[in-house]
N, C-alpha and C. Protein backbone atom coordinates (compact mmCIF):
# COMPACT_ATOMS: atom_id res chain seq x y z
N LEU A 1 93.14 93.75 105.12
CA LEU A 1 92.79 95.12 104.80
C LEU A 1 92.76 95.94 106.09
N VAL A 2 93.18 97.16 105.97
CA VAL A 2 93.15 98.09 107.09
C VAL A 2 92.21 99.22 106.69
N PHE A 3 91.21 99.47 107.56
CA PHE A 3 90.36 100.65 107.32
C PHE A 3 91.13 101.93 107.75
N VAL A 4 91.29 102.83 106.78
CA VAL A 4 92.00 104.05 107.04
C VAL A 4 91.09 105.17 107.38
N GLN A 5 89.94 105.19 106.69
CA GLN A 5 88.98 106.30 106.85
C GLN A 5 87.58 105.79 106.61
N VAL A 6 86.61 106.31 107.43
CA VAL A 6 85.20 106.06 107.19
C VAL A 6 84.55 107.42 107.00
N ASN A 7 83.97 107.60 105.80
CA ASN A 7 83.52 108.94 105.40
C ASN A 7 84.64 109.91 105.62
N GLU A 8 84.53 110.88 106.49
CA GLU A 8 85.64 111.82 106.68
C GLU A 8 86.36 111.61 108.01
N TYR A 9 86.11 110.52 108.68
CA TYR A 9 86.69 110.26 109.99
C TYR A 9 87.94 109.39 109.81
N ASP A 10 89.10 109.94 110.27
CA ASP A 10 90.38 109.23 110.15
C ASP A 10 90.46 108.15 111.22
N LEU A 11 90.63 106.91 110.81
CA LEU A 11 90.72 105.77 111.70
C LEU A 11 92.16 105.31 112.03
N GLN A 12 93.14 105.92 111.46
CA GLN A 12 94.51 105.45 111.59
C GLN A 12 94.99 105.38 113.02
N ALA A 13 94.53 106.30 113.86
CA ALA A 13 94.95 106.27 115.28
C ALA A 13 93.81 105.86 116.19
N ALA A 14 92.71 105.41 115.61
CA ALA A 14 91.54 105.07 116.43
C ALA A 14 91.67 103.71 117.06
N ALA A 15 91.11 103.57 118.26
CA ALA A 15 91.05 102.31 118.94
C ALA A 15 89.92 101.46 118.21
N HIS A 16 89.96 100.15 118.42
CA HIS A 16 88.97 99.28 117.74
C HIS A 16 87.54 99.75 118.07
N GLN A 17 87.22 100.02 119.31
CA GLN A 17 85.85 100.43 119.69
C GLN A 17 85.44 101.74 119.01
N GLU A 18 86.38 102.64 118.84
CA GLU A 18 86.09 103.89 118.15
C GLU A 18 85.71 103.61 116.67
N ALA A 19 86.48 102.72 116.04
CA ALA A 19 86.20 102.40 114.65
C ALA A 19 84.84 101.71 114.52
N VAL A 20 84.50 100.78 115.40
CA VAL A 20 83.19 100.15 115.36
C VAL A 20 82.09 101.15 115.53
N GLN A 21 82.23 102.07 116.49
CA GLN A 21 81.24 103.12 116.72
C GLN A 21 81.09 104.00 115.50
N CYS A 22 82.18 104.38 114.89
CA CYS A 22 82.14 105.21 113.69
C CYS A 22 81.36 104.51 112.57
N LEU A 23 81.64 103.23 112.38
CA LEU A 23 80.95 102.45 111.30
C LEU A 23 79.45 102.32 111.62
N SER A 24 79.09 102.13 112.87
CA SER A 24 77.69 101.96 113.25
C SER A 24 76.86 103.24 113.17
N GLN A 25 77.51 104.38 113.15
CA GLN A 25 76.79 105.66 113.15
C GLN A 25 76.81 106.34 111.79
N THR A 26 76.98 105.56 110.73
CA THR A 26 77.00 106.15 109.39
C THR A 26 75.60 106.24 108.81
N SER A 27 75.50 107.05 107.80
CA SER A 27 74.22 107.20 107.06
C SER A 27 74.06 106.07 106.10
N ASP A 28 73.15 106.21 105.13
CA ASP A 28 72.92 105.14 104.14
C ASP A 28 74.09 104.98 103.17
N THR A 29 74.90 106.02 103.01
CA THR A 29 76.03 105.97 102.13
C THR A 29 77.29 106.02 102.96
N VAL A 30 78.19 105.08 102.73
CA VAL A 30 79.47 105.02 103.43
C VAL A 30 80.59 104.98 102.45
N THR A 31 81.60 105.81 102.73
CA THR A 31 82.78 105.86 101.91
C THR A 31 83.94 105.34 102.76
N LEU A 32 84.52 104.22 102.32
CA LEU A 32 85.63 103.62 103.07
C LEU A 32 86.92 103.79 102.29
N THR A 33 87.95 104.15 103.01
CA THR A 33 89.28 104.15 102.45
C THR A 33 90.03 103.03 103.16
N VAL A 34 90.58 102.10 102.33
CA VAL A 34 91.25 100.93 102.91
C VAL A 34 92.65 100.82 102.34
N ARG A 35 93.48 100.03 103.01
CA ARG A 35 94.84 99.79 102.61
C ARG A 35 95.18 98.34 102.93
N HIS A 36 95.83 97.67 102.02
CA HIS A 36 96.30 96.33 102.21
C HIS A 36 97.75 96.37 102.65
N GLU A 37 98.05 95.90 103.85
CA GLU A 37 99.42 95.98 104.39
C GLU A 37 99.94 94.63 104.70
N PRO A 38 101.10 94.27 104.31
CA PRO A 38 101.76 94.74 103.11
C PRO A 38 101.14 94.03 101.89
N PRO A 39 101.39 94.54 100.68
CA PRO A 39 100.92 93.81 99.51
C PRO A 39 101.58 92.45 99.48
N PRO A 40 100.87 91.44 98.97
CA PRO A 40 101.49 90.11 98.88
C PRO A 40 102.80 90.14 98.11
N ARG A 41 103.78 89.41 98.57
CA ARG A 41 105.06 89.32 97.85
C ARG A 41 104.85 88.77 96.46
N GLY A 42 105.43 89.41 95.47
CA GLY A 42 105.36 88.91 94.11
C GLY A 42 104.07 89.23 93.41
N LEU A 43 103.25 90.11 93.93
CA LEU A 43 101.97 90.49 93.34
C LEU A 43 102.19 91.08 91.96
N LYS A 44 101.47 90.47 90.97
CA LYS A 44 101.59 91.03 89.61
C LYS A 44 100.36 90.57 88.79
N GLU A 45 100.10 91.38 87.76
CA GLU A 45 99.03 91.06 86.82
C GLU A 45 99.67 90.47 85.57
N VAL A 46 99.11 89.36 85.11
CA VAL A 46 99.63 88.68 83.88
C VAL A 46 98.51 88.57 82.93
N ASN A 47 98.71 89.09 81.70
CA ASN A 47 97.69 89.05 80.65
C ASN A 47 98.13 88.07 79.59
N LEU A 48 97.19 87.16 79.24
CA LEU A 48 97.46 86.15 78.25
C LEU A 48 96.45 86.28 77.10
N VAL A 49 96.89 86.02 75.88
CA VAL A 49 96.04 85.95 74.72
C VAL A 49 96.25 84.63 74.05
N ALA A 50 95.22 83.78 73.96
CA ALA A 50 95.32 82.48 73.30
C ALA A 50 95.05 82.65 71.85
N GLN A 51 95.90 82.10 71.03
CA GLN A 51 95.72 82.14 69.56
C GLN A 51 94.66 81.12 69.17
N PRO A 52 94.02 81.22 68.01
CA PRO A 52 93.02 80.23 67.60
C PRO A 52 93.60 78.79 67.69
N GLY A 53 92.83 77.96 68.33
CA GLY A 53 93.25 76.57 68.53
C GLY A 53 94.18 76.34 69.68
N GLN A 54 94.58 77.38 70.34
CA GLN A 54 95.55 77.26 71.46
C GLN A 54 94.83 77.47 72.79
N GLY A 55 95.09 76.64 73.74
CA GLY A 55 94.55 76.87 75.10
C GLY A 55 95.49 77.73 75.89
N PHE A 56 95.03 78.08 77.11
CA PHE A 56 95.88 78.87 77.97
C PHE A 56 96.98 78.00 78.64
N GLY A 57 96.71 76.71 78.76
CA GLY A 57 97.77 75.81 79.23
C GLY A 57 98.03 75.92 80.70
N LEU A 58 96.99 76.04 81.50
CA LEU A 58 97.13 76.12 82.95
C LEU A 58 96.26 75.06 83.62
N SER A 59 96.76 74.48 84.68
CA SER A 59 95.94 73.63 85.55
C SER A 59 95.98 74.25 86.92
N ILE A 60 94.87 74.16 87.65
CA ILE A 60 94.79 74.73 88.98
C ILE A 60 94.47 73.64 90.00
N ARG A 61 94.78 73.97 91.26
CA ARG A 61 94.49 73.07 92.33
C ARG A 61 94.17 73.95 93.56
N GLY A 62 93.35 73.39 94.47
CA GLY A 62 93.05 74.07 95.72
C GLY A 62 91.63 74.55 95.77
N GLY A 63 91.37 75.38 96.73
CA GLY A 63 90.04 75.92 96.94
C GLY A 63 89.49 75.55 98.30
N VAL A 64 88.51 76.31 98.72
CA VAL A 64 87.87 76.12 100.02
C VAL A 64 87.26 74.73 100.10
N ASN A 65 87.57 74.04 101.19
CA ASN A 65 87.05 72.68 101.44
C ASN A 65 87.49 71.66 100.38
N GLY A 66 88.59 71.92 99.69
CA GLY A 66 89.05 71.01 98.63
C GLY A 66 90.46 70.52 98.94
N TYR A 67 91.07 69.93 97.93
CA TYR A 67 92.43 69.45 98.07
C TYR A 67 93.36 70.65 98.19
N ALA A 68 94.41 70.47 98.96
CA ALA A 68 95.37 71.55 99.17
C ALA A 68 96.07 71.89 97.86
N GLY A 69 96.18 73.15 97.57
CA GLY A 69 96.80 73.60 96.33
C GLY A 69 98.19 74.17 96.59
N ASN A 70 98.43 74.66 97.82
CA ASN A 70 99.71 75.27 98.14
C ASN A 70 100.72 74.21 98.43
N PRO A 71 101.80 74.15 97.62
CA PRO A 71 102.74 73.05 97.82
C PRO A 71 103.54 73.11 99.12
N THR A 72 103.49 74.27 99.78
CA THR A 72 104.24 74.42 101.03
C THR A 72 103.40 74.52 102.32
N ASP A 73 102.03 74.59 102.11
CA ASP A 73 101.14 74.72 103.27
C ASP A 73 99.79 74.01 102.99
N SER A 74 99.62 72.83 103.54
CA SER A 74 98.43 72.05 103.24
C SER A 74 97.16 72.62 103.80
N SER A 75 97.26 73.58 104.70
CA SER A 75 96.07 74.16 105.28
C SER A 75 95.57 75.41 104.50
N ASP A 76 96.37 75.84 103.55
CA ASP A 76 96.00 77.01 102.73
C ASP A 76 94.95 76.60 101.72
N GLU A 77 93.85 77.33 101.73
CA GLU A 77 92.69 77.00 100.86
C GLU A 77 92.61 77.87 99.60
N GLY A 78 93.71 78.49 99.24
CA GLY A 78 93.73 79.34 98.04
C GLY A 78 93.75 78.51 96.77
N ILE A 79 93.63 79.20 95.63
CA ILE A 79 93.69 78.55 94.34
C ILE A 79 95.14 78.78 93.80
N PHE A 80 95.78 77.68 93.35
CA PHE A 80 97.18 77.76 92.94
C PHE A 80 97.36 77.12 91.58
N ILE A 81 98.39 77.59 90.88
CA ILE A 81 98.75 76.98 89.58
C ILE A 81 99.46 75.63 89.91
N SER A 82 98.91 74.54 89.33
CA SER A 82 99.53 73.24 89.56
C SER A 82 100.34 72.75 88.32
N LYS A 83 100.04 73.26 87.14
CA LYS A 83 100.76 72.92 85.92
C LYS A 83 100.75 74.10 84.94
N VAL A 84 101.83 74.26 84.25
CA VAL A 84 101.94 75.18 83.12
C VAL A 84 102.27 74.27 81.97
N ILE A 85 101.43 74.16 81.01
CA ILE A 85 101.50 73.15 79.95
C ILE A 85 102.23 73.72 78.71
N PHE A 86 103.21 72.99 78.25
CA PHE A 86 104.01 73.37 77.09
C PHE A 86 103.08 73.60 75.88
N GLY A 87 103.32 74.67 75.17
CA GLY A 87 102.53 75.03 74.00
C GLY A 87 101.32 75.90 74.24
N GLY A 88 100.98 76.09 75.54
CA GLY A 88 99.88 76.97 75.89
C GLY A 88 100.33 78.40 75.98
N ALA A 89 99.34 79.31 76.03
CA ALA A 89 99.66 80.74 76.08
C ALA A 89 100.45 81.10 77.35
N ALA A 90 100.18 80.39 78.45
CA ALA A 90 100.91 80.68 79.72
C ALA A 90 102.41 80.31 79.57
N ALA A 91 102.70 79.15 78.97
CA ALA A 91 104.09 78.75 78.83
C ALA A 91 104.81 79.71 77.88
N GLU A 92 104.12 80.17 76.84
CA GLU A 92 104.76 81.08 75.90
C GLU A 92 105.02 82.42 76.56
N ASN A 93 104.12 82.85 77.45
CA ASN A 93 104.31 84.15 78.14
C ASN A 93 105.45 84.06 79.13
N GLY A 94 105.57 82.97 79.85
CA GLY A 94 106.70 82.73 80.74
C GLY A 94 106.64 83.39 82.10
N GLN A 95 105.55 84.07 82.42
CA GLN A 95 105.49 84.77 83.73
C GLN A 95 104.81 83.94 84.84
N LEU A 96 104.12 82.88 84.45
CA LEU A 96 103.37 82.09 85.44
C LEU A 96 104.14 80.85 85.81
N LEU A 97 104.12 80.52 87.14
CA LEU A 97 104.90 79.41 87.63
C LEU A 97 104.04 78.51 88.49
N VAL A 98 104.36 77.23 88.49
CA VAL A 98 103.68 76.33 89.41
C VAL A 98 103.86 76.82 90.84
N GLY A 99 102.80 76.79 91.61
CA GLY A 99 102.86 77.22 93.01
C GLY A 99 102.42 78.63 93.25
N GLN A 100 102.21 79.44 92.16
CA GLN A 100 101.73 80.80 92.35
C GLN A 100 100.25 80.76 92.73
N ARG A 101 99.85 81.65 93.64
CA ARG A 101 98.46 81.81 94.05
C ARG A 101 97.75 82.66 93.04
N ILE A 102 96.54 82.26 92.62
CA ILE A 102 95.74 83.09 91.69
C ILE A 102 94.70 83.81 92.56
N LEU A 103 94.79 85.15 92.52
CA LEU A 103 93.87 85.98 93.32
C LEU A 103 92.61 86.38 92.52
N GLN A 104 92.83 86.60 91.22
CA GLN A 104 91.69 87.04 90.37
C GLN A 104 91.84 86.45 88.95
N VAL A 105 90.69 86.19 88.34
CA VAL A 105 90.62 85.78 86.95
C VAL A 105 89.68 86.79 86.25
N ASN A 106 90.22 87.57 85.32
CA ASN A 106 89.46 88.64 84.64
C ASN A 106 88.60 89.41 85.64
N ASN A 107 89.23 89.90 86.69
CA ASN A 107 88.62 90.73 87.71
C ASN A 107 87.58 90.02 88.58
N ILE A 108 87.53 88.71 88.51
CA ILE A 108 86.70 87.92 89.40
C ILE A 108 87.57 87.42 90.52
N SER A 109 87.27 87.77 91.75
CA SER A 109 88.05 87.36 92.89
C SER A 109 87.96 85.84 93.15
N LEU A 110 89.10 85.22 93.40
CA LEU A 110 89.12 83.83 93.79
C LEU A 110 89.39 83.65 95.26
N LEU A 111 89.41 84.75 96.00
CA LEU A 111 89.62 84.62 97.44
C LEU A 111 88.43 83.93 98.06
N HIS A 112 88.63 82.92 98.83
CA HIS A 112 87.60 82.11 99.48
C HIS A 112 86.76 81.35 98.46
N ALA A 113 87.30 81.06 97.27
CA ALA A 113 86.54 80.37 96.24
C ALA A 113 86.77 78.86 96.42
N THR A 114 85.77 78.07 96.07
CA THR A 114 85.92 76.64 95.98
C THR A 114 86.63 76.32 94.65
N HIS A 115 87.05 75.09 94.47
CA HIS A 115 87.72 74.71 93.25
C HIS A 115 86.72 74.83 92.09
N ASP A 116 85.48 74.41 92.30
CA ASP A 116 84.50 74.47 91.25
C ASP A 116 84.19 75.94 90.80
N GLU A 117 84.17 76.85 91.80
CA GLU A 117 83.94 78.28 91.47
C GLU A 117 85.13 78.81 90.65
N ALA A 118 86.35 78.43 90.98
CA ALA A 118 87.53 78.89 90.26
C ALA A 118 87.49 78.28 88.85
N ARG A 119 87.16 77.01 88.69
CA ARG A 119 87.12 76.34 87.44
C ARG A 119 86.09 77.03 86.53
N ARG A 120 84.93 77.38 87.08
CA ARG A 120 83.90 78.09 86.30
C ARG A 120 84.39 79.46 85.83
N ALA A 121 85.14 80.16 86.66
CA ALA A 121 85.71 81.48 86.28
C ALA A 121 86.61 81.32 85.05
N PHE A 122 87.43 80.25 85.04
CA PHE A 122 88.31 79.98 83.92
C PHE A 122 87.52 79.58 82.66
N GLN A 123 86.46 78.80 82.88
CA GLN A 123 85.66 78.34 81.72
C GLN A 123 84.94 79.46 80.97
N GLU A 124 84.71 80.58 81.68
CA GLU A 124 84.00 81.72 81.03
C GLU A 124 84.93 82.51 80.13
N VAL A 125 86.26 82.27 80.21
CA VAL A 125 87.23 83.01 79.42
C VAL A 125 87.26 82.43 77.99
N VAL A 126 87.30 83.35 77.01
CA VAL A 126 87.37 82.91 75.63
C VAL A 126 88.76 82.95 75.07
N ASP A 127 89.33 84.10 74.92
CA ASP A 127 90.67 84.18 74.31
C ASP A 127 91.63 85.16 75.05
N ARG A 128 91.10 85.93 75.95
CA ARG A 128 91.95 86.89 76.71
C ARG A 128 91.75 86.61 78.19
N LEU A 129 92.92 86.45 78.85
CA LEU A 129 92.89 86.07 80.27
C LEU A 129 93.76 87.03 81.03
N SER A 130 93.21 87.65 82.07
CA SER A 130 93.97 88.51 82.94
C SER A 130 93.97 87.87 84.33
N LEU A 131 95.14 87.60 84.84
CA LEU A 131 95.31 86.98 86.16
C LEU A 131 96.05 87.88 87.08
N LEU A 132 95.60 87.96 88.34
CA LEU A 132 96.34 88.63 89.42
C LEU A 132 96.88 87.49 90.25
N VAL A 133 98.22 87.41 90.30
CA VAL A 133 98.86 86.30 91.02
C VAL A 133 99.92 86.85 92.01
N CYS A 134 100.31 85.98 92.94
CA CYS A 134 101.40 86.26 93.82
C CYS A 134 102.09 84.99 94.20
């Protein structure tokens, strides 16, 4: 993330020390404008609806201090799709692929999540699943 503005102070051309000083001199309320540069390649939201008796048909791997989930980088601690199971809502939808990183589950961030935290986020889902993936 890039801090673009703090309250009404433009940080785009500010040196690091200026930005730190601006942040430290704020009142009780701070308004931050941020930008993610660049957005992750392939970023998209995928919405799934499971029919009665149907699962979502996804398996995940990875997480902080867990087994590597990224098939191309063993040091990456993100949460990744490890299986898309035939007959599940994900397979029927066709947009999710093995190896994609899961950033959010129903607006719950999985950034810096352990595998257990990610698993719990999925377990709270009943029949509608919104995933932010890349």
